[in-house]
Amino acid sequence: MDTQLELKKEVKPMPKIGRKQIAVVCAVLLIAAAVVLNVVLFQNQTPTVQNPDTNTGGSVDGGTQDGANTLDGYFSATQVSRQRARDEALEVLQSVVDSEEADEATKTGALQEISELARAMEAEANIETLVLAKGFAQCVAVINGEACSVVVSGEGELQPAQISQINEIVYEQAGIHPTNVKIITK
């Protein structure tokens, strides 16, 4: 009889997961999916840059001004979109932290997510600044977990030295290995 009482005492019921915790987790996952989708959609857009040799228009600069504006617009739109997605994610996470109904584990998780987002945002800004310092006209870096996508303006393929420079910058600023870095020219 004593062994049965001891066995019953050792079994602990699983903590209940409330609807609010499930809603918070779903919201965080939804925001993460939106950020990833945003990056994927913007990476697949191709700006219309006219080749100066085939231009038949009457512009003085060979017709590349529209292409340059489109390219500048791509980088600006990508940065704005990335910031908007991050702001929305931070707003949701902050509401979890401020919620009186959320348990401590959920609040701690939200604070950790906020900290990770802040680190990623700082690393992205540093990567962009340093890549621009290497002579690229435009750059957008997007960190998603242990992966990084870097979009730079350029014609044709990048030289191995340029790829190496970008990989080194990403590794130094974010600790992401070159195998997890995707470099795209726009």
Protein backbone atom coordinates (compact mmCIF):
# COMPACT_ATOMS: atom_id res chain seq x y z
CA MET A 1 0.00 0.00 0.00
CA ASP A 2 2.84 2.41 0.76
CA THR A 3 4.36 1.95 -2.69
CA GLN A 4 1.09 2.93 -4.35
CA LEU A 5 0.95 6.13 -2.33
CA GLU A 6 4.54 6.94 -3.23
CA LEU A 7 3.86 6.42 -6.93
CA LYS A 8 0.86 8.71 -6.83
CA LYS A 9 2.88 11.43 -5.15
CA GLU A 10 5.60 11.37 -7.85
CA VAL A 11 3.23 11.90 -10.75
CA LYS A 12 2.74 15.60 -11.33
CA PRO A 13 0.07 16.90 -13.66
CA MET A 14 1.21 18.86 -16.70
CA PRO A 15 0.71 22.60 -16.39
CA LYS A 16 -2.29 23.85 -18.31
CA ILE A 17 -1.67 25.96 -21.34
CA GLY A 18 -4.23 28.70 -21.60
CA ARG A 19 -5.78 30.21 -24.67
CA LYS A 20 -3.83 33.42 -24.17
CA GLN A 21 -0.47 31.62 -24.24
CA ILE A 22 -1.50 29.80 -27.41
CA ALA A 23 -2.64 33.09 -28.95
CA VAL A 24 0.68 34.75 -28.08
CA VAL A 25 2.70 31.90 -29.58
CA CYS A 26 0.55 31.95 -32.72
CA ALA A 27 0.97 35.73 -33.04
CA VAL A 28 4.75 35.48 -32.73
CA LEU A 29 4.86 32.68 -35.31
CA LEU A 30 2.61 34.67 -37.63
CA ILE A 31 4.87 37.71 -37.39
CA ALA A 32 7.96 35.60 -38.03
CA ALA A 33 6.25 34.11 -41.09
CA ALA A 34 5.37 37.61 -42.32
CA VAL A 35 8.99 38.73 -42.01
CA VAL A 36 10.22 35.67 -43.91
CA LEU A 37 7.55 36.10 -46.60
CA ASN A 38 8.45 39.76 -46.94
CA VAL A 39 12.10 38.92 -47.51
CA VAL A 40 11.28 36.20 -50.03
CA LEU A 41 8.92 38.42 -52.00
CA PHE A 42 11.35 41.32 -52.21
CA GLN A 43 14.29 39.11 -53.16
CA ASN A 44 12.43 37.76 -56.19
CA GLN A 45 11.58 41.18 -57.61
CA THR A 46 13.72 42.26 -60.50
CA PRO A 47 13.99 45.95 -61.26
CA THR A 48 13.79 47.03 -64.87
CA VAL A 49 17.21 48.37 -65.69
CA GLN A 50 17.71 49.31 -69.30
CA ASN A 51 20.94 48.43 -71.04
CA PRO A 52 22.51 51.67 -72.31
CA ASP A 53 23.60 49.93 -75.52
CA THR A 54 20.02 49.00 -76.45
CA ASN A 55 18.33 52.23 -75.41
CA THR A 56 16.48 54.00 -78.21
CA GLY A 57 15.12 56.82 -76.06
CA GLY A 58 16.31 60.38 -76.23
CA SER A 59 17.71 60.71 -72.73
CA VAL A 60 21.16 62.18 -72.36
CA ASP A 61 22.39 59.61 -69.81
CA GLY A 62 21.69 56.59 -72.00
CA GLY A 63 18.41 55.72 -70.28
CA THR A 64 19.83 54.39 -67.05
CA GLN A 65 18.21 57.00 -64.83
CA ASP A 66 14.87 55.13 -64.66
CA GLY A 67 16.73 51.92 -63.83
CA ALA A 68 18.70 53.66 -61.10
CA ASN A 69 15.51 55.11 -59.62
CA THR A 70 13.87 51.69 -59.71
CA LEU A 71 16.93 50.15 -58.06
CA ASP A 72 17.03 52.87 -55.38
CA GLY A 73 13.31 52.32 -54.87
CA TYR A 74 13.87 48.59 -54.38
CA PHE A 75 16.43 49.13 -51.62
CA SER A 76 14.35 51.83 -49.94
CA ALA A 77 11.16 49.75 -50.11
CA THR A 78 12.95 46.71 -48.74
CA GLN A 79 14.37 48.64 -45.80
CA VAL A 80 10.99 50.23 -45.03
CA SER A 81 9.21 46.90 -45.30
CA ARG A 82 11.76 45.19 -43.07
CA GLN A 83 11.45 47.96 -40.47
CA ARG A 84 7.65 47.85 -40.58
CA ALA A 85 7.64 44.08 -40.02
CA ARG A 86 10.11 44.42 -37.15
CA ASP A 87 8.09 47.24 -35.58
CA GLU A 88 4.94 45.10 -35.71
CA ALA A 89 6.79 42.15 -34.16
CA LEU A 90 8.18 44.36 -31.39
CA GLU A 91 4.73 45.81 -30.73
CA VAL A 92 3.19 42.35 -30.30
CA LEU A 93 6.05 41.16 -28.11
CA GLN A 94 5.87 44.31 -25.98
CA SER A 95 2.13 43.80 -25.50
CA VAL A 96 2.90 40.29 -24.22
CA VAL A 97 5.44 41.69 -21.77
CA ASP A 98 2.99 44.35 -20.59
CA SER A 99 0.08 41.91 -20.29
CA GLU A 100 -1.01 41.20 -16.73
CA GLU A 101 -2.57 37.90 -17.80
CA ALA A 102 0.56 36.37 -19.36
CA ASP A 103 2.58 34.05 -17.13
CA GLU A 104 6.24 34.67 -16.33
CA ALA A 105 7.53 32.06 -18.80
CA THR A 106 5.64 33.72 -21.65
CA LYS A 107 6.89 37.17 -20.62
CA THR A 108 10.47 35.88 -20.38
CA GLY A 109 10.16 34.33 -23.84
CA ALA A 110 8.84 37.60 -25.26
CA LEU A 111 11.69 39.55 -23.66
CA GLN A 112 14.17 37.11 -25.16
CA GLU A 113 12.57 37.54 -28.60
CA ILE A 114 12.79 41.34 -28.22
CA SER A 115 16.46 41.03 -27.32
CA GLU A 116 17.15 38.79 -30.33
CA LEU A 117 15.32 41.20 -32.65
CA ALA A 118 17.35 44.11 -31.28
CA ARG A 119 20.62 42.21 -31.83
CA ALA A 120 19.57 41.27 -35.37
CA MET A 121 18.60 44.87 -36.16
CA GLU A 122 21.92 46.18 -34.87
CA ALA A 123 23.88 43.55 -36.80
CA GLU A 124 21.92 44.31 -39.99
CA ALA A 125 22.67 48.03 -39.69
CA ASN A 126 26.36 47.32 -39.06
CA ILE A 127 26.56 44.91 -42.00
CA GLU A 128 24.92 47.42 -44.34
CA THR A 129 27.24 50.23 -43.23
CA LEU A 130 30.38 48.13 -43.60
CA VAL A 131 29.35 46.71 -47.00
CA LEU A 132 28.68 50.25 -48.24
CA ALA A 133 32.14 51.20 -46.98
CA LYS A 134 33.60 48.49 -49.23
CA GLY A 135 32.36 50.38 -52.27
CA PHE A 136 28.88 49.03 -52.96
CA ALA A 137 26.33 51.69 -53.83
CA GLN A 138 23.38 50.02 -52.05
CA CYS A 139 23.00 47.21 -49.52
CA VAL A 140 20.22 45.56 -47.51
CA ALA A 141 20.95 42.82 -44.98
CA VAL A 142 18.25 40.63 -43.47
CA ILE A 143 19.04 38.28 -40.59
CA ASN A 144 16.64 35.46 -39.93
CA GLY A 145 17.85 33.25 -37.11
CA GLU A 146 21.14 31.68 -38.13
CA ALA A 147 20.89 32.80 -41.76
CA CYS A 148 21.55 36.10 -43.47
CA SER A 149 20.62 37.45 -46.89
CA VAL A 150 22.60 40.38 -48.24
CA VAL A 151 21.34 42.22 -51.31
CA VAL A 152 23.85 44.55 -52.97
CA SER A 153 23.59 46.67 -56.08
CA GLY A 154 25.82 45.59 -58.88
CA GLU A 155 26.02 44.44 -62.43
CA GLY A 156 26.88 40.86 -63.24
CA GLU A 157 28.38 38.43 -60.80
CA LEU A 158 30.39 39.46 -57.79
CA GLN A 159 34.10 38.80 -57.70
CA PRO A 160 35.35 36.17 -55.23
CA ALA A 161 37.10 38.92 -53.24
CA GLN A 162 33.81 40.84 -52.89
CA ILE A 163 31.97 37.71 -51.77
CA SER A 164 34.71 37.03 -49.25
CA GLN A 165 34.51 40.59 -47.91
CA ILE A 166 30.75 40.37 -47.44
CA ASN A 167 30.98 36.94 -45.79
CA GLU A 168 33.66 38.23 -43.43
CA ILE A 169 31.58 41.27 -42.48
CA VAL A 170 28.50 39.11 -41.80
CA TYR A 171 30.54 36.68 -39.69
CA GLU A 172 32.19 39.45 -37.68
CA GLN A 173 28.95 41.34 -37.03
CA ALA A 174 26.44 38.51 -36.60
CA GLY A 175 28.47 35.33 -36.12
CA ILE A 176 26.76 33.71 -39.12
CA HIS A 177 28.95 31.30 -41.06
CA PRO A 178 29.41 31.85 -44.82
CA THR A 179 27.48 28.66 -45.61
CA ASN A 180 24.38 30.38 -44.19
CA VAL A 181 24.89 33.66 -46.04
CA LYS A 182 23.05 34.31 -49.29
CA ILE A 183 24.45 37.19 -51.37
CA ILE A 184 22.24 38.58 -54.12
CA THR A 185 23.08 41.27 -56.67
CA LYS A 186 20.31 43.57 -57.80
